[in-house]
Protein backbone atom coordinates (compact mmCIF):
# COMPACT_ATOMS: atom_id res chain seq x y z
CA UNK A 1 109.95 56.32 162.25
CA UNK A 2 107.26 59.08 163.19
CA UNK A 3 103.86 57.84 163.23
CA UNK A 4 101.29 59.02 160.36
CA UNK A 5 97.37 59.26 160.35
CA UNK A 6 95.66 55.98 159.70
CA UNK A 7 95.11 55.04 155.68
CA UNK A 8 92.80 52.62 154.03
CA UNK A 9 94.16 50.14 151.92
CA UNK A 10 94.26 51.85 148.84
CA UNK A 11 95.72 54.83 150.19
CA UNK A 12 98.41 52.73 152.24
CA UNK A 13 99.23 51.33 148.82
CA UNK A 14 100.14 54.49 147.43
CA UNK A 15 101.82 56.12 150.57
CA UNK A 16 104.09 52.65 150.76
CA UNK A 17 104.80 52.86 147.06
CA UNK A 18 105.76 56.39 147.16
CA UNK A 19 108.06 55.96 149.99
CA UNK A 20 109.67 52.96 148.62
CA UNK A 21 110.44 55.03 145.63
CA UNK A 22 111.71 58.05 147.50
CA UNK A 23 113.87 55.48 149.44
CA UNK A 24 112.43 55.91 152.68
CA UNK A 25 110.74 52.99 154.02
CA UNK A 26 113.89 50.05 153.81
CA UNK A 27 116.84 49.30 155.16
CA UNK A 28 120.16 49.08 153.43
CA UNK A 29 119.29 45.54 152.48
CA UNK A 30 116.19 46.53 151.04
CA UNK A 31 114.36 45.02 153.87
CA UNK A 32 110.84 46.49 155.17
CA UNK A 33 110.21 47.15 159.02
CA UNK A 34 108.37 44.77 160.83
CA UNK A 35 104.73 44.58 160.42
CA UNK A 36 104.23 45.77 164.01
CA UNK A 37 106.66 49.17 163.23
CA UNK A 38 104.81 49.52 160.17
CA UNK A 39 101.22 49.43 161.59
CA UNK A 40 102.37 51.75 164.24
CA UNK A 41 103.88 54.04 161.49
CA UNK A 42 100.82 54.08 159.40
CA UNK A 43 97.86 54.03 162.30
CA UNK A 44 96.60 50.95 160.80
CA UNK A 45 95.39 47.56 161.55
CA UNK A 46 97.47 44.29 160.90
CA UNK A 47 94.37 43.39 158.29
CA UNK A 48 94.66 46.96 156.69
CA UNK A 49 98.45 46.45 156.42
CA UNK A 50 98.68 42.75 154.95
CA UNK A 51 96.30 43.37 152.81
CA UNK A 52 98.52 46.29 151.47
CA UNK A 53 101.70 44.27 151.34
CA UNK A 54 99.41 41.56 149.53
CA UNK A 55 98.41 44.32 146.79
CA UNK A 56 102.37 45.19 146.36
CA UNK A 57 103.35 42.19 146.28
CA UNK A 58 100.98 41.21 143.33
CA UNK A 59 102.29 44.43 141.88
CA UNK A 60 105.74 42.92 141.82
CA UNK A 61 106.93 46.17 144.04
CA UNK A 62 107.91 43.77 147.16
CA UNK A 63 108.40 39.99 147.95
CA UNK A 64 107.76 38.45 150.94
CA UNK A 65 110.40 35.58 152.45
CA UNK A 66 108.64 33.48 154.87
CA UNK A 67 109.99 33.65 158.40
CA UNK A 68 112.30 36.58 157.26
CA UNK A 69 110.18 39.30 156.45
CA UNK A 70 109.19 41.50 153.06
CA UNK A 71 111.90 43.10 150.62
CA UNK A 72 111.74 45.44 147.60
CA UNK A 73 112.31 44.16 144.69
CA UNK A 74 115.39 45.12 142.83
CA UNK A 75 114.43 48.17 140.73
CA UNK A 76 113.36 48.06 137.12
CA UNK A 77 114.60 49.87 134.11
CA UNK A 78 113.38 53.64 134.80
CA UNK A 79 110.98 53.63 131.75
CA UNK A 80 109.60 49.76 132.41
CA UNK A 81 105.87 50.26 132.96
CA UNK A 82 104.11 47.37 135.45
CA UNK A 83 101.15 46.27 133.83
CA UNK A 84 99.83 44.75 136.97
CA UNK A 85 99.71 47.69 138.79
CA UNK A 86 96.37 48.84 140.53
CA UNK A 87 97.35 52.47 140.36
CA UNK A 88 96.69 55.06 137.30
CA UNK A 89 100.05 55.33 134.82
CA UNK A 90 100.59 58.88 136.26
CA UNK A 91 101.57 57.56 139.66
CA UNK A 92 103.21 54.66 138.20
CA UNK A 93 105.41 56.53 136.54
CA UNK A 94 105.73 58.98 138.87
CA UNK A 95 108.99 57.86 140.22
CA UNK A 96 111.72 60.46 141.64
CA UNK A 97 112.99 62.48 138.77
CA UNK A 98 110.25 61.29 136.22
CA UNK A 99 107.44 63.33 134.94
CA UNK A 100 104.60 62.21 132.96
CA UNK A 101 102.68 65.28 131.63
CA UNK A 102 99.38 65.29 129.44
CA UNK A 103 99.96 68.11 126.83
CA UNK A 104 97.35 67.57 124.86
CA UNK A 105 93.64 66.47 125.85
CA UNK A 106 89.99 66.77 124.58
CA UNK A 107 86.74 64.87 125.37
CA UNK A 108 83.17 64.68 123.87
CA UNK A 109 79.90 62.74 124.12
CA UNK A 110 79.53 60.12 121.57
CA UNK A 111 77.28 56.82 120.93
CA UNK A 112 78.60 53.57 121.31
CA UNK A 113 78.03 53.42 117.17
CA UNK A 114 80.64 56.40 116.99
CA UNK A 115 83.23 55.11 119.10
CA UNK A 116 86.81 53.96 117.13
CA UNK A 117 86.56 50.56 118.92
CA UNK A 118 84.54 48.81 121.61
CA UNK A 119 85.29 45.88 124.22
CA UNK A 120 85.78 42.41 123.10
CA UNK A 121 82.38 40.59 123.26
CA UNK A 122 81.10 43.83 123.68
CA UNK A 123 77.08 43.86 124.51
CA UNK A 124 76.59 47.78 124.89
CA UNK A 125 73.41 49.38 123.04
CA UNK A 126 73.88 51.55 119.98
CA UNK A 127 72.60 54.37 121.97
CA UNK A 128 74.39 54.28 125.07
CA UNK A 129 76.34 57.28 125.72
CA UNK A 130 80.16 57.60 126.06
CA UNK A 131 82.42 60.16 127.44
CA UNK A 132 85.43 60.12 124.56
CA UNK A 133 88.86 61.28 126.09
CA UNK A 134 91.93 61.80 123.70
CA UNK A 135 95.15 62.50 125.24
CA UNK A 136 98.94 63.00 124.23
CA UNK A 137 101.36 62.00 127.25
CA UNK A 138 105.11 62.73 127.67
CA UNK A 139 107.37 61.25 129.69
CA UNK A 140 110.10 63.45 130.88
CA UNK A 141 109.31 66.05 128.24
CA UNK A 142 109.57 63.40 125.55
CA UNK A 143 106.30 61.55 123.35
CA UNK A 144 105.50 58.66 125.22
CA UNK A 145 102.01 57.53 124.57
CA UNK A 146 98.57 58.70 122.77
CA UNK A 147 95.48 57.10 124.56
CA UNK A 148 92.28 57.15 123.45
CA UNK A 149 89.48 56.62 126.49
CA UNK A 150 85.73 55.59 126.57
CA UNK A 151 83.72 56.07 129.90
CA UNK A 152 80.02 55.26 130.31
CA UNK A 153 78.47 58.26 130.96
CA UNK A 154 75.89 56.82 132.58
CA UNK A 155 78.59 55.87 135.40
CA UNK A 156 80.60 58.66 134.99
CA UNK A 157 78.58 61.87 134.37
CA UNK A 158 81.42 64.15 133.76
CA UNK A 159 85.40 64.48 133.77
CA UNK A 160 86.56 67.86 134.94
CA UNK A 161 89.04 69.08 132.63
CA UNK A 162 91.73 69.62 135.38
CA UNK A 163 91.58 65.80 135.74
CA UNK A 164 92.28 65.32 131.88
CA UNK A 165 95.76 66.78 132.11
CA UNK A 166 96.12 65.19 135.51
CA UNK A 167 95.12 61.72 136.20
CA UNK A 168 91.82 60.50 135.55
CA UNK A 169 92.44 57.15 138.03
CA UNK A 170 92.68 59.84 140.56
CA UNK A 171 89.05 61.34 139.91
CA UNK A 172 87.58 57.86 140.08
CA UNK A 173 89.22 57.27 143.44
CA UNK A 174 87.60 60.29 145.09
CA UNK A 175 84.18 59.11 143.98
CA UNK A 176 83.02 56.66 146.82
CA UNK A 177 80.39 55.51 144.67
CA UNK A 178 82.88 53.93 142.22
CA UNK A 179 84.85 51.01 143.32
CA UNK A 180 86.75 49.41 140.46
CA UNK A 181 87.08 45.92 140.85
CA UNK A 182 89.50 44.45 138.01
CA UNK A 183 90.94 45.59 134.68
CA UNK A 184 91.44 43.38 131.55
CA UNK A 185 94.32 43.94 129.43
CA UNK A 186 95.27 43.29 126.11
CA UNK A 187 98.99 43.79 124.49
CA UNK A 188 99.24 44.19 120.51
CA UNK A 189 100.96 45.69 117.76
CA UNK A 190 99.37 47.85 115.34
CA UNK A 191 100.33 50.02 112.34
CA UNK A 192 100.53 53.81 113.30
CA UNK A 193 98.10 56.31 112.90
CA UNK A 194 97.29 59.90 113.49
CA UNK A 195 97.68 61.76 115.70
CA UNK A 196 100.14 59.13 117.16
CA UNK A 197 102.12 59.12 114.13
CA UNK A 198 103.00 62.88 114.17
CA UNK A 199 103.38 62.91 117.86
CA UNK A 200 105.88 60.19 117.88
CA UNK A 201 107.72 61.81 114.80
CA UNK A 202 107.10 58.61 113.11
CA UNK A 203 105.47 57.73 109.58
CA UNK A 204 101.93 55.93 109.39
CA UNK A 205 102.26 52.60 109.33
CA UNK A 206 105.00 52.56 111.61
CA UNK A 207 104.54 49.76 114.37
CA UNK A 208 103.27 50.94 117.75
CA UNK A 209 102.99 49.15 120.76
CA UNK A 210 99.40 48.85 122.04
CA UNK A 211 97.75 47.70 125.35
CA UNK A 212 93.96 47.58 125.63
CA UNK A 213 92.35 48.27 128.84
CA UNK A 214 88.80 47.30 129.78
CA UNK A 215 87.84 48.45 133.49
CA UNK A 216 85.06 47.03 135.54
CA UNK A 217 83.43 47.93 138.57
CA UNK A 218 83.76 45.69 141.69
CA UNK A 219 79.96 44.56 140.70
CA UNK A 220 81.33 43.35 137.28
CA UNK A 221 79.83 46.02 135.64
CA UNK A 222 81.78 47.86 132.55
CA UNK A 223 82.87 51.33 133.50
CA UNK A 224 85.59 52.15 130.62
CA UNK A 225 87.74 50.86 127.86
CA UNK A 226 90.89 52.42 126.24
CA UNK A 227 93.38 52.18 123.68
CA UNK A 228 96.78 53.09 124.87
CA UNK A 229 99.49 53.57 121.82
CA UNK A 230 103.02 53.56 123.05
CA UNK A 231 106.25 54.67 121.02
CA UNK A 232 107.72 51.32 120.48
CA UNK A 233 111.26 52.82 120.66
CA UNK A 234 110.84 54.01 124.31
CA UNK A 235 107.75 51.69 125.80
CA UNK A 236 109.20 48.77 127.77
CA UNK A 237 106.24 46.64 129.65
CA UNK A 238 106.91 44.46 132.82
CA UNK A 239 105.09 41.33 134.44
CA UNK A 240 106.14 39.09 136.88
CA UNK A 241 104.92 35.30 137.68
CA UNK A 242 104.55 34.06 140.97
CA UNK A 243 105.96 30.21 140.91
CA UNK A 244 104.31 29.63 144.72
């Protein structure tokens, strides 16, 4: 294994996911190299590596067998979305041979009173300014999700257009003043409305799988909230539970 430049924890997690998905990191038994080899390969400390491995374990990417080593979990169905990931949907679905693409996007500034929905137990003042983002996204050129998100403009002054068509999550990652702490997710089913109905080629009122995300900074302050509607015929969501 040829050594690489040093990574911080977040970038190391992303790099390891990329290499796991490309089949570069594990052996024929799905076992990862030893900690010492991984530390040398990525140019990181033991602490950074163990934090990254712990995150990969929490995301369901790997599991650690005490006294034996770390192993890649068996592959899930190709269209399954991991709700426990700490990366964006673009990165989560960008497995080899998979392409998620934004085909339509728009943004505008609105007050809280104009938002279509708010976080549960919201304490936002009516005059708070939000950046509303609407996106329609395909997976392998087939309709996959319709997204509406709101970002507090006091924290996110603007979102460049190129990131609307790529990964908004990556835009956050590049801002050193924005440290995402945690994301609350709520899953529900709702009756489909526009523009999702036309996009999915389903009648208005058909069921849709909905994931509500409330994203908070490490300080506990609300950063953004979103509502993502999936085509129920195609979307599968994944979570796992540790029993130890």
